[in-house]
C-alpha atoms as a PDB file:
ATOM      1  CA  MET A   1     -10.846  -1.736  18.156  1.00  0.00           C
ATOM      2  CA  THR A   2      -8.561   1.059  19.305  1.00  0.00           C
ATOM      3  CA  VAL A   3      -5.836   2.440  17.140  1.00  0.00           C
ATOM      4  CA  THR A   4      -2.424   2.087  18.695  1.00  0.00           C
ATOM      5  CA  GLU A   5       0.653   3.907  17.522  1.00  0.00           C
ATOM      6  CA  ASN A   6       1.862   1.356  15.036  1.00  0.00           C
ATOM      7  CA  GLU A   7       3.491   1.865  11.692  1.00  0.00           C
ATOM      8  CA  GLU A   8       0.116   2.373  10.001  1.00  0.00           C
ATOM      9  CA  CYS A   9      -0.876   5.558  11.799  1.00  0.00           C
ATOM     10  CA  PHE A  10       0.388   9.114  11.553  1.00  0.00           C
ATOM     11  CA  PRO A  11       0.210  10.483  15.119  1.00  0.00           C
ATOM     12  CA  LYS A  12       0.607  14.144  15.948  1.00  0.00           C
ATOM     13  CA  ARG A  13       3.950  13.647  17.688  1.00  0.00           C
ATOM     14  CA  ILE A  14       5.632  12.643  14.410  1.00  0.00           C
ATOM     15  CA  ARG A  15       4.282  15.624  12.469  1.00  0.00           C
ATOM     16  CA  LEU A  16       5.904  19.022  12.158  1.00  0.00           C
ATOM     17  CA  LEU A  17       3.176  21.433  13.195  1.00  0.00           C
ATOM     18  CA  ARG A  18       4.683  24.817  14.020  1.00  0.00           C
ATOM     19  CA  ARG A  19       5.981  27.377  11.565  1.00  0.00           C
ATOM     20  CA  SER A  20       9.185  27.614  13.616  1.00  0.00           C
ATOM     21  CA  GLU A  21       9.839  23.876  13.132  1.00  0.00           C
ATOM     22  CA  PHE A  22       9.502  24.203   9.364  1.00  0.00           C
ATOM     23  CA  GLN A  23      11.722  27.311   9.323  1.00  0.00           C
ATOM     24  CA  ARG A  24      14.438  25.534  11.340  1.00  0.00           C
ATOM     25  CA  VAL A  25      14.524  22.665   8.842  1.00  0.00           C
ATOM     26  CA  TYR A  26      14.671  25.076   5.888  1.00  0.00           C
ATOM     27  CA  LYS A  27      17.357  27.244   7.487  1.00  0.00           C
ATOM     28  CA  ASN A  28      19.644  24.647   9.109  1.00  0.00           C
ATOM     29  CA  GLY A  29      18.879  21.518   7.155  1.00  0.00           C
ATOM     30  CA  ARG A  30      20.064  19.894   3.982  1.00  0.00           C
ATOM     31  CA  ARG A  31      18.029  18.839   0.985  1.00  0.00           C
ATOM     32  CA  ALA A  32      17.627  15.952  -1.397  1.00  0.00           C
ATOM     33  CA  ARG A  33      15.816  16.118  -4.704  1.00  0.00           C
ATOM     34  CA  ALA A  34      13.631  13.422  -6.237  1.00  0.00           C
ATOM     35  CA  ASP A  35      11.690  13.489  -9.501  1.00  0.00           C
ATOM     36  CA  HIS A  36       8.446  14.734  -7.944  1.00  0.00           C
ATOM     37  CA  PHE A  37       9.546  16.477  -4.739  1.00  0.00           C
ATOM     38  CA  THR A  38      12.356  18.049  -2.776  1.00  0.00           C
ATOM     39  CA  VAL A  39      12.834  16.950   0.801  1.00  0.00           C
ATOM     40  CA  PHE A  40      14.560  19.141   3.379  1.00  0.00           C
ATOM     41  CA  PHE A  41      15.891  17.383   6.465  1.00  0.00           C
ATOM     42  CA  ASP A  42      17.582  18.332   9.716  1.00  0.00           C
ATOM     43  CA  HIS A  43      18.461  16.546  12.952  1.00  0.00           C
ATOM     44  CA  ASN A  44      15.827  16.821  15.675  1.00  0.00           C
ATOM     45  CA  GLN A  45      17.496  15.376  18.825  1.00  0.00           C
ATOM     46  CA  LEU A  46      14.634  12.854  19.138  1.00  0.00           C
ATOM     47  CA  PRO A  47      14.714   9.047  18.838  1.00  0.00           C
ATOM     48  CA  TYR A  48      12.184   9.206  15.990  1.00  0.00           C
ATOM     49  CA  SER A  49      11.617  11.182  12.806  1.00  0.00           C
ATOM     50  CA  ARG A  50       8.988  13.852  12.208  1.00  0.00           C
ATOM     51  CA  PHE A  51       7.407  14.846   8.919  1.00  0.00           C
ATOM     52  CA  GLY A  52       5.910  17.962   7.361  1.00  0.00           C
ATOM     53  CA  ILE A  53       4.494  18.811   3.950  1.00  0.00           C
ATOM     54  CA  THR A  54       4.335  22.208   2.281  1.00  0.00           C
ATOM     55  CA  VAL A  55       2.516  22.707  -0.994  1.00  0.00           C
ATOM     56  CA  SER A  56       3.023  25.968  -2.873  1.00  0.00           C
ATOM     57  CA  ARG A  57       0.053  27.886  -4.246  1.00  0.00           C
ATOM     58  CA  LYS A  58       1.838  27.768  -7.597  1.00  0.00           C
ATOM     59  CA  LEU A  59       0.811  24.109  -7.880  1.00  0.00           C
ATOM     60  CA  GLY A  60      -2.882  24.857  -8.308  1.00  0.00           C
ATOM     61  CA  SER A  61      -6.182  25.385  -6.585  1.00  0.00           C
ATOM     62  CA  ALA A  62      -6.899  24.465  -2.981  1.00  0.00           C
ATOM     63  CA  VAL A  63      -8.479  21.222  -4.179  1.00  0.00           C
ATOM     64  CA  THR A  64      -5.281  20.268  -6.043  1.00  0.00           C
ATOM     65  CA  ARG A  65      -3.027  21.239  -3.137  1.00  0.00           C
ATOM     66  CA  ASN A  66      -5.136  19.316  -0.621  1.00  0.00           C
ATOM     67  CA  ARG A  67      -5.106  16.247  -2.884  1.00  0.00           C
ATOM     68  CA  LEU A  68      -1.301  16.441  -3.034  1.00  0.00           C
ATOM     69  CA  ARG A  69      -1.112  16.740   0.757  1.00  0.00           C
ATOM     70  CA  ARG A  70      -3.331  13.666   1.160  1.00  0.00           C
ATOM     71  CA  ILE A  71      -1.240  11.625  -1.278  1.00  0.00           C
ATOM     72  CA  PHE A  72       2.019  12.649   0.395  1.00  0.00           C
ATOM     73  CA  ARG A  73       0.621  12.086   3.893  1.00  0.00           C
ATOM     74  CA  GLU A  74      -0.501   8.582   2.937  1.00  0.00           C
ATOM     75  CA  ALA A  75       2.843   7.732   1.320  1.00  0.00           C
ATOM     76  CA  ILE A  76       4.741   9.045   4.343  1.00  0.00           C
ATOM     77  CA  ARG A  77       2.470   7.084   6.680  1.00  0.00           C
ATOM     78  CA  LYS A  78       3.112   3.864   4.762  1.00  0.00           C
ATOM     79  CA  SER A  79       6.878   4.372   4.451  1.00  0.00           C
ATOM     80  CA  ARG A  80       7.816   6.120   7.685  1.00  0.00           C
ATOM     81  CA  THR A  81       9.406   3.011   9.226  1.00  0.00           C
ATOM     82  CA  SER A  82      12.009   3.125   6.428  1.00  0.00           C
ATOM     83  CA  ALA A  83      12.983   6.714   7.247  1.00  0.00           C
ATOM     84  CA  VAL A  84      16.189   7.584   9.052  1.00  0.00           C
ATOM     85  CA  ASN A  85      15.435   8.143  12.753  1.00  0.00           C
ATOM     86  CA  GLY A  86      16.350  11.415  14.436  1.00  0.00           C
ATOM     87  CA  LEU A  87      15.540  13.659  11.478  1.00  0.00           C
ATOM     88  CA  ASP A  88      12.822  16.175  10.693  1.00  0.00           C
ATOM     89  CA  PHE A  89      11.649  15.989   7.069  1.00  0.00           C
ATOM     90  CA  VAL A  90       9.801  18.653   5.083  1.00  0.00           C
ATOM     91  CA  PHE A  91       8.474  17.540   1.695  1.00  0.00           C
ATOM     92  CA  ASN A  92       7.891  20.098  -1.080  1.00  0.00           C
ATOM     93  CA  PRO A  93       6.066  18.596  -4.067  1.00  0.00           C
ATOM     94  CA  HIS A  94       7.049  19.809  -7.554  1.00  0.00           C
ATOM     95  CA  ALA A  95       4.568  20.721 -10.279  1.00  0.00           C
ATOM     96  CA  GLU A  96       5.002  17.246 -11.832  1.00  0.00           C
ATOM     97  CA  ALA A  97       3.675  15.719  -8.595  1.00  0.00           C
ATOM     98  CA  VAL A  98       0.132  16.762  -9.491  1.00  0.00           C
ATOM     99  CA  LYS A  99      -0.088  13.674 -11.728  1.00  0.00           C
ATOM    100  CA  ILE A 100       1.782  11.233  -9.478  1.00  0.00           C
ATOM    101  CA  GLN A 101       0.321   7.915  -8.362  1.00  0.00           C
ATOM    102  CA  SER A 102       0.833   6.856  -4.747  1.00  0.00           C
ATOM    103  CA  THR A 103       2.803   3.735  -5.761  1.00  0.00           C
ATOM    104  CA  GLU A 104       5.283   5.859  -7.699  1.00  0.00           C
ATOM    105  CA  LEU A 105       5.601   8.243  -4.755  1.00  0.00           C
ATOM    106  CA  LEU A 106       6.275   5.325  -2.390  1.00  0.00           C
ATOM    107  CA  LYS A 107       9.133   4.192  -4.641  1.00  0.00           C
ATOM    108  CA  GLU A 108      10.627   7.693  -4.662  1.00  0.00           C
ATOM    109  CA  LEU A 109      10.359   7.981  -0.881  1.00  0.00           C
ATOM    110  CA  ALA A 110      12.075   4.612  -0.437  1.00  0.00           C
ATOM    111  CA  ALA A 111      14.885   5.722  -2.763  1.00  0.00           C
ATOM    112  CA  VAL A 112      15.386   8.986  -0.848  1.00  0.00           C
ATOM    113  CA  TYR A 113      15.396   7.191   2.527  1.00  0.00           C
ATOM    114  CA  PHE A 114      17.927   4.693   1.143  1.00  0.00           C
ATOM    115  CA  ARG A 115      20.209   7.497  -0.109  1.00  0.00           C
ATOM    116  CA  LEU A 116      20.064   9.214   3.288  1.00  0.00           C
ATOM    117  CA  LYS A 117      20.917   5.979   5.098  1.00  0.00           C
ATOM    118  CA  GLU A 118      23.757   5.390   2.639  1.00  0.00           C
ATOM    119  CA  LYS A 119      25.143   8.846   3.370  1.00  0.00           C
ATOM    120  CA  ASN A 120      24.797   8.072   7.084  1.00  0.00           C
ATOM    121  CA  HIS A 121      22.607  10.983   8.180  1.00  0.00           C
ATOM    122  CA  ALA A 122      21.088   8.862  10.930  1.00  0.00           C
ATOM    123  CA  ALA A 123      20.850  10.282  14.447  1.00  0.00           C
ATOM    124  CA  ARG A 124      23.994  12.355  14.151  1.00  0.00           C
ATOM    125  CA  PRO A 125      23.686  16.086  14.785  1.00  0.00           C
ATOM    126  CA  ALA A 126      25.255  18.134  12.000  1.00  0.00           C
ATOM    127  CA  ASP A 127      27.234  20.294  14.404  1.00  0.00           C
ATOM    128  CA  HIS A 128      29.050  17.321  15.992  1.00  0.00           C
ATOM    129  CA  HIS A 129      31.062  16.195  12.930  1.00  0.00           C
END
């Protein structure tokens, strides 16, 4: 069985990969805070959203940071269809996230996506207000 690009996969095209992409989101974007993470977001001029994760060394050893990345990647993969299209997201876990369960993270992601939709950040470049 081949894997198609459905809502259960996390293909390369929806990931932020380059340092310059992350820097653009940090520099030009806005941010929203949740209990266990801060998410930075910026418009990307694409019909779909892209996602990136940065985990500070302050949060622990490489094993801890990689575990956090895996948990966030899985939660993003499962919830990405709820995200606002046309945005690049960068997730920064907080120290409290080390103990988070994936179900709790999914609830927080859903709440953040809902707030962004409520504030109407969908597919509208910031410089065209």
